[in-house]
Amino acid sequence: MAKVTFKISELPEDQLKRVEIEGKGVLVARVGKEFYAIGDKCTHMGCSLSEGTLEGTIVTCPCHGSEFDITTGKVVTWVGKYPTIGRLTSFMRRDEPVYKVTLEEDELTISD
C-alpha cells in the first residue's frame, strides 16, 4: 500500500493541497474538520484540480469548469460545451478515484 503523510497544519480549513502517491497526483481537501482525497487530474483535459476552487464539497476545475464531489470523486457537472469527437468526450467523463484518509493525532495519511 502506497501512502503519503503530512501535518494537518499544512492544510488550512476549506483549502486544497496536491500530494503524490507513487507518481500519481492526489487532491487533498479540508472541509471544516473533515478531510477528503481524490484524484487530482481532471478527466476532461488533465488539469490539476488542486489549482481549482472549492465550494462546500465541490471542487471546480480551473481550466474548463467541470465539477467533482470531493466526498465521492463523482462528476457533478461536466463541461459539456465542447463538441463530441466520436465517443471521446463521453469516454473522458469519468469519476475521480477516491483515496483513503487516516487521521492520527496531528498527522494525515493518504493511501491508495
PDB file of N, CA and C in Angstrom:
ATOM      1  N   MET A   1       0.846  -1.182   0.000  1.00  0.00           N
ATOM      2  CA  MET A   1       0.000   0.000   0.000  1.00  0.00           C
ATOM      3  C   MET A   1       0.891   1.245   0.000  1.00  0.00           C
ATOM      4  N   ALA A   2       0.700   2.087  -0.997  1.00  0.00           N
ATOM      5  CA  ALA A   2       1.455   3.341  -1.089  1.00  0.00           C
ATOM      6  C   ALA A   2       0.730   4.412  -0.284  1.00  0.00           C
ATOM      7  N   LYS A   3       1.530   5.323   0.319  1.00  0.00           N
ATOM      8  CA  LYS A   3       0.904   6.375   1.124  1.00  0.00           C
ATOM      9  C   LYS A   3       1.811   7.583   1.228  1.00  0.00           C
ATOM     10  N   VAL A   4       1.212   8.675   1.688  1.00  0.00           N
ATOM     11  CA  VAL A   4       1.940   9.904   1.981  1.00  0.00           C
ATOM     12  C   VAL A   4       1.357  10.466   3.278  1.00  0.00           C
ATOM     13  N   THR A   5       2.230  11.014   4.112  1.00  0.00           N
ATOM     14  CA  THR A   5       1.808  11.557   5.400  1.00  0.00           C
ATOM     15  C   THR A   5       2.299  12.988   5.530  1.00  0.00           C
ATOM     16  N   PHE A   6       1.466  13.857   6.096  1.00  0.00           N
ATOM     17  CA  PHE A   6       1.866  15.238   6.357  1.00  0.00           C
ATOM     18  C   PHE A   6       1.087  15.774   7.552  1.00  0.00           C
ATOM     19  N   LYS A   7       1.556  16.885   8.102  1.00  0.00           N
ATOM     20  CA  LYS A   7       0.935  17.512   9.266  1.00  0.00           C
ATOM     21  C   LYS A   7      -0.386  18.177   8.873  1.00  0.00           C
ATOM     22  N   ILE A   8      -1.377  18.062   9.725  1.00  0.00           N
ATOM     23  CA  ILE A   8      -2.684  18.675   9.483  1.00  0.00           C
ATOM     24  C   ILE A   8      -2.543  20.184   9.294  1.00  0.00           C
ATOM     25  N   SER A   9      -1.610  20.791   9.995  1.00  0.00           N
ATOM     26  CA  SER A   9      -1.412  22.239   9.906  1.00  0.00           C
ATOM     27  C   SER A   9      -0.988  22.692   8.507  1.00  0.00           C
ATOM     28  N   GLU A  10      -0.535  21.762   7.665  1.00  0.00           N
ATOM     29  CA  GLU A  10      -0.146  22.090   6.297  1.00  0.00           C
ATOM     30  C   GLU A  10      -1.345  22.279   5.370  1.00  0.00           C
ATOM     31  N   LEU A  11      -2.539  21.996   5.886  1.00  0.00           N
ATOM     32  CA  LEU A  11      -3.750  22.125   5.078  1.00  0.00           C
ATOM     33  C   LEU A  11      -4.799  22.920   5.860  1.00  0.00           C
ATOM     34  N   PRO A  12      -4.840  24.243   5.649  1.00  0.00           N
ATOM     35  CA  PRO A  12      -5.838  25.070   6.341  1.00  0.00           C
ATOM     36  C   PRO A  12      -7.266  24.674   5.964  1.00  0.00           C
ATOM     37  N   GLU A  13      -8.199  25.043   6.800  1.00  0.00           N
ATOM     38  CA  GLU A  13      -9.608  24.735   6.578  1.00  0.00           C
ATOM     39  C   GLU A  13     -10.102  25.305   5.243  1.00  0.00           C
ATOM     40  N   ASP A  14     -10.917  24.511   4.556  1.00  0.00           N
ATOM     41  CA  ASP A  14     -11.510  24.877   3.256  1.00  0.00           C
ATOM     42  C   ASP A  14     -10.464  25.167   2.184  1.00  0.00           C
ATOM     43  N   GLN A  15      -9.372  24.418   2.217  1.00  0.00           N
ATOM     44  CA  GLN A  15      -8.291  24.582   1.248  1.00  0.00           C
ATOM     45  C   GLN A  15      -8.006  23.264   0.537  1.00  0.00           C
ATOM     46  N   LEU A  16      -7.261  23.364  -0.547  1.00  0.00           N
ATOM     47  CA  LEU A  16      -6.861  22.218  -1.352  1.00  0.00           C
ATOM     48  C   LEU A  16      -5.343  22.063  -1.328  1.00  0.00           C
ATOM     49  N   LYS A  17      -4.879  20.823  -1.430  1.00  0.00           N
ATOM     50  CA  LYS A  17      -3.437  20.560  -1.449  1.00  0.00           C
ATOM     51  C   LYS A  17      -3.198  19.392  -2.405  1.00  0.00           C
ATOM     52  N   ARG A  18      -2.126  19.476  -3.159  1.00  0.00           N
ATOM     53  CA  ARG A  18      -1.744  18.378  -4.052  1.00  0.00           C
ATOM     54  C   ARG A  18      -0.598  17.605  -3.429  1.00  0.00           C
ATOM     55  N   VAL A  19      -0.737  16.283  -3.393  1.00  0.00           N
ATOM     56  CA  VAL A  19       0.332  15.396  -2.952  1.00  0.00           C
ATOM     57  C   VAL A  19       0.499  14.333  -4.036  1.00  0.00           C
ATOM     58  N   GLU A  20       1.559  13.572  -3.945  1.00  0.00           N
ATOM     59  CA  GLU A  20       1.782  12.489  -4.903  1.00  0.00           C
ATOM     60  C   GLU A  20       1.928  11.166  -4.179  1.00  0.00           C
ATOM     61  N   ILE A  21       1.302  10.151  -4.756  1.00  0.00           N
ATOM     62  CA  ILE A  21       1.458   8.781  -4.278  1.00  0.00           C
ATOM     63  C   ILE A  21       1.912   7.965  -5.474  1.00  0.00           C
ATOM     64  N   GLU A  22       3.134   7.502  -5.408  1.00  0.00           N
ATOM     65  CA  GLU A  22       3.755   6.728  -6.491  1.00  0.00           C
ATOM     66  C   GLU A  22       3.569   7.410  -7.846  1.00  0.00           C
ATOM     67  N   GLY A  23       3.852   8.699  -7.894  1.00  0.00           N
ATOM     68  CA  GLY A  23       3.803   9.446  -9.139  1.00  0.00           C
ATOM     69  C   GLY A  23       2.418   9.896  -9.584  1.00  0.00           C
ATOM     70  N   LYS A  24       1.381   9.548  -8.835  1.00  0.00           N
ATOM     71  CA  LYS A  24       0.020   9.968  -9.172  1.00  0.00           C
ATOM     72  C   LYS A  24      -0.372  11.157  -8.310  1.00  0.00           C
ATOM     73  N   GLY A  25      -0.909  12.198  -8.952  1.00  0.00           N
ATOM     74  CA  GLY A  25      -1.371  13.366  -8.220  1.00  0.00           C
ATOM     75  C   GLY A  25      -2.649  13.069  -7.470  1.00  0.00           C
ATOM     76  N   VAL A  26      -2.699  13.529  -6.225  1.00  0.00           N
ATOM     77  CA  VAL A  26      -3.872  13.348  -5.379  1.00  0.00           C
ATOM     78  C   VAL A  26      -4.255  14.701  -4.801  1.00  0.00           C
ATOM     79  N   LEU A  27      -5.526  15.032  -4.921  1.00  0.00           N
ATOM     80  CA  LEU A  27      -6.064  16.254  -4.341  1.00  0.00           C
ATOM     81  C   LEU A  27      -6.542  15.940  -2.930  1.00  0.00           C
ATOM     82  N   VAL A  28      -6.027  16.670  -1.952  1.00  0.00           N
ATOM     83  CA  VAL A  28      -6.481  16.521  -0.576  1.00  0.00           C
ATOM     84  C   VAL A  28      -7.211  17.806  -0.217  1.00  0.00           C
ATOM     85  N   ALA A  29      -8.395  17.670   0.355  1.00  0.00           N
ATOM     86  CA  ALA A  29      -9.208  18.831   0.705  1.00  0.00           C
ATOM     87  C   ALA A  29      -9.625  18.746   2.164  1.00  0.00           C
ATOM     88  N   ARG A  30      -9.686  19.919   2.780  1.00  0.00           N
ATOM     89  CA  ARG A  30     -10.150  20.006   4.163  1.00  0.00           C
ATOM     90  C   ARG A  30     -11.407  20.863   4.159  1.00  0.00           C
ATOM     91  N   VAL A  31     -12.505  20.263   4.602  1.00  0.00           N
ATOM     92  CA  VAL A  31     -13.777  20.983   4.714  1.00  0.00           C
ATOM     93  C   VAL A  31     -14.191  20.895   6.175  1.00  0.00           C
ATOM     94  N   GLY A  32     -14.063  22.025   6.862  1.00  0.00           N
ATOM     95  CA  GLY A  32     -14.318  22.012   8.305  1.00  0.00           C
ATOM     96  C   GLY A  32     -13.300  21.121   8.983  1.00  0.00           C
ATOM     97  N   LYS A  33     -13.789  20.108   9.683  1.00  0.00           N
ATOM     98  CA  LYS A  33     -12.893  19.179  10.377  1.00  0.00           C
ATOM     99  C   LYS A  33     -12.717  17.871   9.616  1.00  0.00           C
ATOM    100  N   GLU A  34     -13.299  17.801   8.410  1.00  0.00           N
ATOM    101  CA  GLU A  34     -13.224  16.585   7.600  1.00  0.00           C
ATOM    102  C   GLU A  34     -12.152  16.716   6.510  1.00  0.00           C
ATOM    103  N   PHE A  35     -11.547  15.583   6.162  1.00  0.00           N
ATOM    104  CA  PHE A  35     -10.512  15.536   5.138  1.00  0.00           C
ATOM    105  C   PHE A  35     -10.921  14.524   4.064  1.00  0.00           C
ATOM    106  N   TYR A  36     -10.648  14.868   2.808  1.00  0.00           N
ATOM    107  CA  TYR A  36     -11.012  14.013   1.683  1.00  0.00           C
ATOM    108  C   TYR A  36      -9.841  13.965   0.700  1.00  0.00           C
ATOM    109  N   ALA A  37      -9.772  12.892  -0.080  1.00  0.00           N
ATOM    110  CA  ALA A  37      -8.703  12.770  -1.080  1.00  0.00           C
ATOM    111  C   ALA A  37      -9.259  12.071  -2.316  1.00  0.00           C
ATOM    112  N   ILE A  38      -9.073  12.732  -3.477  1.00  0.00           N
ATOM    113  CA  ILE A  38      -9.489  12.160  -4.757  1.00  0.00           C
ATOM    114  C   ILE A  38      -8.363  12.398  -5.771  1.00  0.00           C
ATOM    115  N   GLY A  39      -8.486  11.813  -6.940  1.00  0.00           N
ATOM    116  CA  GLY A  39      -7.506  12.055  -7.997  1.00  0.00           C
ATOM    117  C   GLY A  39      -7.428  13.535  -8.321  1.00  0.00           C
ATOM    118  N   ASP A  40      -6.239  14.023  -8.642  1.00  0.00           N
ATOM    119  CA  ASP A  40      -6.023  15.459  -8.881  1.00  0.00           C
ATOM    120  C   ASP A  40      -6.079  15.836 -10.356  1.00  0.00           C
ATOM    121  N   LYS A  41      -6.222  14.878 -11.239  1.00  0.00           N
ATOM    122  CA  LYS A  41      -6.162  15.159 -12.677  1.00  0.00           C
ATOM    123  C   LYS A  41      -7.575  15.151 -13.257  1.00  0.00           C
ATOM    124  N   CYS A  42      -8.053  16.319 -13.674  1.00  0.00           N
ATOM    125  CA  CYS A  42      -9.383  16.409 -14.267  1.00  0.00           C
ATOM    126  C   CYS A  42      -9.455  15.473 -15.462  1.00  0.00           C
ATOM    127  N   THR A  43     -10.518  14.710 -15.529  1.00  0.00           N
ATOM    128  CA  THR A  43     -10.660  13.725 -16.591  1.00  0.00           C
ATOM    129  C   THR A  43     -11.024  14.357 -17.931  1.00  0.00           C
ATOM    130  N   HIS A  44     -11.241  15.662 -17.974  1.00  0.00           N
ATOM    131  CA  HIS A  44     -11.530  16.334 -19.239  1.00  0.00           C
ATOM    132  C   HIS A  44     -10.256  16.588 -20.022  1.00  0.00           C
ATOM    133  N   MET A  45      -9.360  17.428 -19.473  1.00  0.00           N
ATOM    134  CA  MET A  45      -8.133  17.780 -20.185  1.00  0.00           C
ATOM    135  C   MET A  45      -6.879  17.594 -19.337  1.00  0.00           C
ATOM    136  N   GLY A  46      -7.026  16.987 -18.164  1.00  0.00           N
ATOM    137  CA  GLY A  46      -5.863  16.687 -17.341  1.00  0.00           C
ATOM    138  C   GLY A  46      -5.371  17.812 -16.457  1.00  0.00           C
ATOM    139  N   CYS A  47      -6.140  18.877 -16.313  1.00  0.00           N
ATOM    140  CA  CYS A  47      -5.724  19.991 -15.451  1.00  0.00           C
ATOM    141  C   CYS A  47      -5.726  19.564 -13.985  1.00  0.00           C
ATOM    142  N   SER A  48      -4.921  20.239 -13.183  1.00  0.00           N
ATOM    143  CA  SER A  48      -4.810  19.928 -11.761  1.00  0.00           C
ATOM    144  C   SER A  48      -5.991  20.521 -10.995  1.00  0.00           C
ATOM    145  N   LEU A  49      -6.800  19.646 -10.405  1.00  0.00           N
ATOM    146  CA  LEU A  49      -7.950  20.109  -9.623  1.00  0.00           C
ATOM    147  C   LEU A  49      -7.530  20.877  -8.378  1.00  0.00           C
ATOM    148  N   SER A  50      -6.335  20.610  -7.871  1.00  0.00           N
ATOM    149  CA  SER A  50      -5.867  21.303  -6.667  1.00  0.00           C
ATOM    150  C   SER A  50      -5.642  22.790  -6.918  1.00  0.00           C
ATOM    151  N   GLU A  51      -5.612  23.195  -8.190  1.00  0.00           N
ATOM    152  CA  GLU A  51      -5.496  24.616  -8.535  1.00  0.00           C
ATOM    153  C   GLU A  51      -6.864  25.248  -8.764  1.00  0.00           C
ATOM    154  N   GLY A  52      -7.909  24.454  -8.577  1.00  0.00           N
ATOM    155  CA  GLY A  52      -9.274  24.925  -8.772  1.00  0.00           C
ATOM    156  C   GLY A  52      -9.833  25.594  -7.537  1.00  0.00           C
ATOM    157  N   THR A  53     -11.156  25.729  -7.519  1.00  0.00           N
ATOM    158  CA  THR A  53     -11.825  26.362  -6.385  1.00  0.00           C
ATOM    159  C   THR A  53     -12.686  25.334  -5.660  1.00  0.00           C
ATOM    160  N   LEU A  54     -12.826  25.552  -4.364  1.00  0.00           N
ATOM    161  CA  LEU A  54     -13.606  24.659  -3.519  1.00  0.00           C
ATOM    162  C   LEU A  54     -14.773  25.428  -2.920  1.00  0.00           C
ATOM    163  N   GLU A  55     -15.985  24.924  -3.151  1.00  0.00           N
ATOM    164  CA  GLU A  55     -17.188  25.481  -2.523  1.00  0.00           C
ATOM    165  C   GLU A  55     -17.911  24.331  -1.864  1.00  0.00           C
ATOM    166  N   GLY A  56     -17.925  24.328  -0.548  1.00  0.00           N
ATOM    167  CA  GLY A  56     -18.501  23.197   0.179  1.00  0.00           C
ATOM    168  C   GLY A  56     -17.672  21.973  -0.116  1.00  0.00           C
ATOM    169  N   THR A  57     -18.305  20.950  -0.692  1.00  0.00           N
ATOM    170  CA  THR A  57     -17.570  19.728  -1.032  1.00  0.00           C
ATOM    171  C   THR A  57     -17.412  19.563  -2.542  1.00  0.00           C
ATOM    172  N   ILE A  58     -17.565  20.662  -3.281  1.00  0.00           N
ATOM    173  CA  ILE A  58     -17.446  20.619  -4.741  1.00  0.00           C
ATOM    174  C   ILE A  58     -16.187  21.368  -5.173  1.00  0.00           C
ATOM    175  N   VAL A  59     -15.323  20.687  -5.935  1.00  0.00           N
ATOM    176  CA  VAL A  59     -14.135  21.329  -6.493  1.00  0.00           C
ATOM    177  C   VAL A  59     -14.401  21.562  -7.979  1.00  0.00           C
ATOM    178  N   THR A  60     -14.059  22.777  -8.431  1.00  0.00           N
ATOM    179  CA  THR A  60     -14.255  23.155  -9.821  1.00  0.00           C
ATOM    180  C   THR A  60     -12.906  23.225 -10.513  1.00  0.00           C
ATOM    181  N   CYS A  61     -12.785  22.538 -11.636  1.00  0.00           N
ATOM    182  CA  CYS A  61     -11.552  22.531 -12.409  1.00  0.00           C
ATOM    183  C   CYS A  61     -11.244  23.945 -12.900  1.00  0.00           C
ATOM    184  N   PRO A  62      -9.985  24.395 -12.747  1.00  0.00           N
ATOM    185  CA  PRO A  62      -9.623  25.754 -13.147  1.00  0.00           C
ATOM    186  C   PRO A  62      -9.580  25.968 -14.658  1.00  0.00           C
ATOM    187  N   CYS A  63      -9.534  24.904 -15.431  1.00  0.00           N
ATOM    188  CA  CYS A  63      -9.391  25.048 -16.886  1.00  0.00           C
ATOM    189  C   CYS A  63     -10.717  25.255 -17.613  1.00  0.00           C
ATOM    190  N   HIS A  64     -11.692  24.387 -17.369  1.00  0.00           N
ATOM    191  CA  HIS A  64     -12.930  24.461 -18.144  1.00  0.00           C
ATOM    192  C   HIS A  64     -14.197  24.386 -17.303  1.00  0.00           C
ATOM    193  N   GLY A  65     -14.070  24.192 -15.994  1.00  0.00           N
ATOM    194  CA  GLY A  65     -15.235  24.276 -15.130  1.00  0.00           C
ATOM    195  C   GLY A  65     -15.944  22.990 -14.766  1.00  0.00           C
ATOM    196  N   SER A  66     -15.422  21.827 -15.121  1.00  0.00           N
ATOM    197  CA  SER A  66     -16.055  20.590 -14.653  1.00  0.00           C
ATOM    198  C   SER A  66     -15.994  20.572 -13.128  1.00  0.00           C
ATOM    199  N   GLU A  67     -17.008  19.963 -12.513  1.00  0.00           N
ATOM    200  CA  GLU A  67     -17.075  19.934 -11.053  1.00  0.00           C
ATOM    201  C   GLU A  67     -17.115  18.495 -10.546  1.00  0.00           C
ATOM    202  N   PHE A  68     -16.421  18.281  -9.429  1.00  0.00           N
ATOM    203  CA  PHE A  68     -16.339  16.959  -8.820  1.00  0.00           C
ATOM    204  C   PHE A  68     -16.663  17.056  -7.333  1.00  0.00           C
ATOM    205  N   ASP A  69     -17.362  16.049  -6.825  1.00  0.00           N
ATOM    206  CA  ASP A  69     -17.666  15.973  -5.395  1.00  0.00           C
ATOM    207  C   ASP A  69     -16.459  15.333  -4.710  1.00  0.00           C
ATOM    208  N   ILE A  70     -15.829  16.048  -3.790  1.00  0.00           N
ATOM    209  CA  ILE A  70     -14.621  15.525  -3.147  1.00  0.00           C
ATOM    210  C   ILE A  70     -14.909  14.403  -2.157  1.00  0.00           C
ATOM    211  N   THR A  71     -16.176  14.219  -1.778  1.00  0.00           N
ATOM    212  CA  THR A  71     -16.501  13.140  -0.842  1.00  0.00           C
ATOM    213  C   THR A  71     -16.624  11.797  -1.546  1.00  0.00           C
ATOM    214  N   THR A  72     -16.939  11.833  -2.858  1.00  0.00           N
ATOM    215  CA  THR A  72     -17.165  10.590  -3.603  1.00  0.00           C
ATOM    216  C   THR A  72     -16.315  10.472  -4.863  1.00  0.00           C
ATOM    217  N   GLY A  73     -15.746  11.580  -5.337  1.00  0.00           N
ATOM    218  CA  GLY A  73     -14.998  11.594  -6.585  1.00  0.00           C
ATOM    219  C   GLY A  73     -15.889  11.671  -7.814  1.00  0.00           C
ATOM    220  N   LYS A  74     -17.193  11.709  -7.621  1.00  0.00           N
ATOM    221  CA  LYS A  74     -18.144  11.698  -8.737  1.00  0.00           C
ATOM    222  C   LYS A  74     -18.204  13.039  -9.465  1.00  0.00           C
ATOM    223  N   VAL A  75     -18.425  12.966 -10.783  1.00  0.00           N
ATOM    224  CA  VAL A  75     -18.648  14.157 -11.592  1.00  0.00           C
ATOM    225  C   VAL A  75     -19.998  14.749 -11.197  1.00  0.00           C
ATOM    226  N   VAL A  76     -20.002  16.043 -10.887  1.00  0.00           N
ATOM    227  CA  VAL A  76     -21.237  16.743 -10.546  1.00  0.00           C
ATOM    228  C   VAL A  76     -21.725  17.527 -11.766  1.00  0.00           C
ATOM    229  N   THR A  77     -20.800  18.234 -12.413  1.00  0.00           N
ATOM    230  CA  THR A  77     -21.101  18.990 -13.615  1.00  0.00           C
ATOM    231  C   THR A  77     -19.996  18.738 -14.623  1.00  0.00           C
ATOM    232  N   TRP A  78     -20.387  18.292 -15.800  1.00  0.00           N
ATOM    233  CA  TRP A  78     -19.417  18.061 -16.861  1.00  0.00           C
ATOM    234  C   TRP A  78     -19.437  19.271 -17.775  1.00  0.00           C
ATOM    235  N   VAL A  79     -18.291  19.647 -18.337  1.00  0.00           N
ATOM    236  CA  VAL A  79     -18.216  20.848 -19.167  1.00  0.00           C
ATOM    237  C   VAL A  79     -19.245  20.829 -20.279  1.00  0.00           C
ATOM    238  N   GLY A  80     -19.336  19.772 -21.013  1.00  0.00           N
ATOM    239  CA  GLY A  80     -20.378  19.577 -21.999  1.00  0.00           C
ATOM    240  C   GLY A  80     -20.529  20.613 -23.092  1.00  0.00           C
ATOM    241  N   LYS A  81     -19.744  21.687 -23.081  1.00  0.00           N
ATOM    242  CA  LYS A  81     -19.910  22.702 -24.105  1.00  0.00           C
ATOM    243  C   LYS A  81     -19.018  22.476 -25.310  1.00  0.00           C
ATOM    244  N   TYR A  82     -18.189  21.467 -25.266  1.00  0.00           N
ATOM    245  CA  TYR A  82     -17.287  21.199 -26.369  1.00  0.00           C
ATOM    246  C   TYR A  82     -17.839  20.060 -27.211  1.00  0.00           C
ATOM    247  N   PRO A  83     -17.644  20.088 -28.508  1.00  0.00           N
ATOM    248  CA  PRO A  83     -18.226  19.055 -29.365  1.00  0.00           C
ATOM    249  C   PRO A  83     -17.670  17.675 -29.054  1.00  0.00           C
ATOM    250  N   THR A  84     -18.512  16.707 -29.238  1.00  0.00           N
ATOM    251  CA  THR A  84     -18.092  15.322 -29.058  1.00  0.00           C
ATOM    252  C   THR A  84     -17.376  14.860 -30.321  1.00  0.00           C
ATOM    253  N   ILE A  85     -16.221  14.270 -30.134  1.00  0.00           N
ATOM    254  CA  ILE A  85     -15.463  13.717 -31.254  1.00  0.00           C
ATOM    255  C   ILE A  85     -15.617  12.206 -31.132  1.00  0.00           C
ATOM    256  N   GLY A  86     -16.545  11.656 -31.888  1.00  0.00           N
ATOM    257  CA  GLY A  86     -16.840  10.235 -31.729  1.00  0.00           C
ATOM    258  C   GLY A  86     -17.324  10.001 -30.315  1.00  0.00           C
ATOM    259  N   ARG A  87     -16.686   9.084 -29.613  1.00  0.00           N
ATOM    260  CA  ARG A  87     -17.052   8.791 -28.226  1.00  0.00           C
ATOM    261  C   ARG A  87     -16.074   9.433 -27.250  1.00  0.00           C
ATOM    262  N   LEU A  88     -15.153  10.231 -27.738  1.00  0.00           N
ATOM    263  CA  LEU A  88     -14.076  10.766 -26.915  1.00  0.00           C
ATOM    264  C   LEU A  88     -14.572  11.524 -25.695  1.00  0.00           C
ATOM    265  N   THR A  89     -15.506  12.456 -25.871  1.00  0.00           N
ATOM    266  CA  THR A  89     -15.957  13.268 -24.739  1.00  0.00           C
ATOM    267  C   THR A  89     -16.617  12.404 -23.678  1.00  0.00           C
ATOM    268  N   SER A  90     -17.501  11.496 -24.063  1.00  0.00           N
ATOM    269  CA  SER A  90     -18.168  10.666 -23.062  1.00  0.00           C
ATOM    270  C   SER A  90     -17.191   9.686 -22.420  1.00  0.00           C
ATOM    271  N   PHE A  91     -16.166   9.260 -23.170  1.00  0.00           N
ATOM    272  CA  PHE A  91     -15.152   8.379 -22.606  1.00  0.00           C
ATOM    273  C   PHE A  91     -14.368   9.107 -21.513  1.00  0.00           C
ATOM    274  N   MET A  92     -14.085  10.400 -21.743  1.00  0.00           N
ATOM    275  CA  MET A  92     -13.294  11.162 -20.780  1.00  0.00           C
ATOM    276  C   MET A  92     -14.089  11.514 -19.537  1.00  0.00           C
ATOM    277  N   ARG A  93     -15.399  11.497 -19.596  1.00  0.00           N
ATOM    278  CA  ARG A  93     -16.231  11.866 -18.445  1.00  0.00           C
ATOM    279  C   ARG A  93     -16.204  10.719 -17.436  1.00  0.00           C
ATOM    280  N   ARG A  94     -15.203  10.769 -16.569  1.00  0.00           N
ATOM    281  CA  ARG A  94     -15.030   9.729 -15.559  1.00  0.00           C
ATOM    282  C   ARG A  94     -14.965  10.360 -14.183  1.00  0.00           C
ATOM    283  N   ASP A  95     -15.396   9.578 -13.208  1.00  0.00           N
ATOM    284  CA  ASP A  95     -15.259   9.998 -11.818  1.00  0.00           C
ATOM    285  C   ASP A  95     -13.790   9.909 -11.426  1.00  0.00           C
ATOM    286  N   GLU A  96     -13.430  10.638 -10.396  1.00  0.00           N
ATOM    287  CA  GLU A  96     -12.068  10.600  -9.865  1.00  0.00           C
ATOM    288  C   GLU A  96     -11.937   9.437  -8.889  1.00  0.00           C
ATOM    289  N   PRO A  97     -10.755   8.811  -8.817  1.00  0.00           N
ATOM    290  CA  PRO A  97     -10.553   7.774  -7.804  1.00  0.00           C
ATOM    291  C   PRO A  97     -10.553   8.414  -6.411  1.00  0.00           C
ATOM    292  N   VAL A  98     -11.005   7.656  -5.443  1.00  0.00           N
ATOM    293  CA  VAL A  98     -11.050   8.126  -4.055  1.00  0.00           C
ATOM    294  C   VAL A  98      -9.942   7.417  -3.279  1.00  0.00           C
ATOM    295  N   TYR A  99      -9.254   8.171  -2.437  1.00  0.00           N
ATOM    296  CA  TYR A  99      -8.161   7.632  -1.635  1.00  0.00           C
ATOM    297  C   TYR A  99      -8.563   7.590  -0.166  1.00  0.00           C
ATOM    298  N   LYS A 100      -7.959   6.675   0.556  1.00  0.00           N
ATOM    299  CA  LYS A 100      -8.242   6.517   1.984  1.00  0.00           C
ATOM    300  C   LYS A 100      -7.528   7.612   2.769  1.00  0.00           C
ATOM    301  N   VAL A 101      -8.246   8.222   3.710  1.00  0.00           N
ATOM    302  CA  VAL A 101      -7.699   9.274   4.559  1.00  0.00           C
ATOM    303  C   VAL A 101      -7.731   8.782   6.000  1.00  0.00           C
ATOM    304  N   THR A 102      -6.568   8.817   6.653  1.00  0.00           N
ATOM    305  CA  THR A 102      -6.475   8.396   8.048  1.00  0.00           C
ATOM    306  C   THR A 102      -5.894   9.544   8.863  1.00  0.00           C
ATOM    307  N   LEU A 103      -6.562   9.877   9.951  1.00  0.00           N
ATOM    308  CA  LEU A 103      -6.143  10.959  10.832  1.00  0.00           C
ATOM    309  C   LEU A 103      -5.650  10.358  12.143  1.00  0.00           C
ATOM    310  N   GLU A 104      -4.413  10.703  12.504  1.00  0.00           N
ATOM    311  CA  GLU A 104      -3.853  10.212  13.751  1.00  0.00           C
ATOM    312  C   GLU A 104      -3.089  11.342  14.419  1.00  0.00           C
ATOM    313  N   GLU A 105      -3.623  11.797  15.560  1.00  0.00           N
ATOM    314  CA  GLU A 105      -3.073  12.940  16.281  1.00  0.00           C
ATOM    315  C   GLU A 105      -2.996  14.144  15.358  1.00  0.00           C
ATOM    316  N   ASP A 106      -1.801  14.619  15.009  1.00  0.00           N
ATOM    317  CA  ASP A 106      -1.683  15.816  14.173  1.00  0.00           C
ATOM    318  C   ASP A 106      -1.199  15.481  12.765  1.00  0.00           C
ATOM    319  N   GLU A 107      -1.317  14.200  12.374  1.00  0.00           N
ATOM    320  CA  GLU A 107      -0.866  13.792  11.045  1.00  0.00           C
ATOM    321  C   GLU A 107      -2.012  13.193  10.232  1.00  0.00           C
ATOM    322  N   LEU A 108      -1.942  13.460   8.943  1.00  0.00           N
ATOM    323  CA  LEU A 108      -2.920  12.952   7.998  1.00  0.00           C
ATOM    324  C   LEU A 108      -2.192  11.998   7.053  1.00  0.00           C
ATOM    325  N   THR A 109      -2.707  10.806   6.855  1.00  0.00           N
ATOM    326  CA  THR A 109      -2.116   9.858   5.937  1.00  0.00           C
ATOM    327  C   THR A 109      -3.103   9.576   4.816  1.00  0.00           C
ATOM    328  N   ILE A 110      -2.625   9.713   3.575  1.00  0.00           N
ATOM    329  CA  ILE A 110      -3.426   9.426   2.396  1.00  0.00           C
ATOM    330  C   ILE A 110      -2.851   8.171   1.764  1.00  0.00           C
ATOM    331  N   SER A 111      -3.701   7.186   1.483  1.00  0.00           N
ATOM    332  CA  SER A 111      -3.205   5.932   0.904  1.00  0.00           C
ATOM    333  C   SER A 111      -4.167   5.441  -0.179  1.00  0.00           C
ATOM    334  N   ASP A 112      -3.617   4.558  -1.031  1.00  0.00           N
ATOM    335  CA  ASP A 112      -4.461   4.012  -2.093  1.00  0.00           C
ATOM    336  C   ASP A 112      -5.039   2.680  -1.697  1.00  0.00           C
TER     337      ASP A 112
END
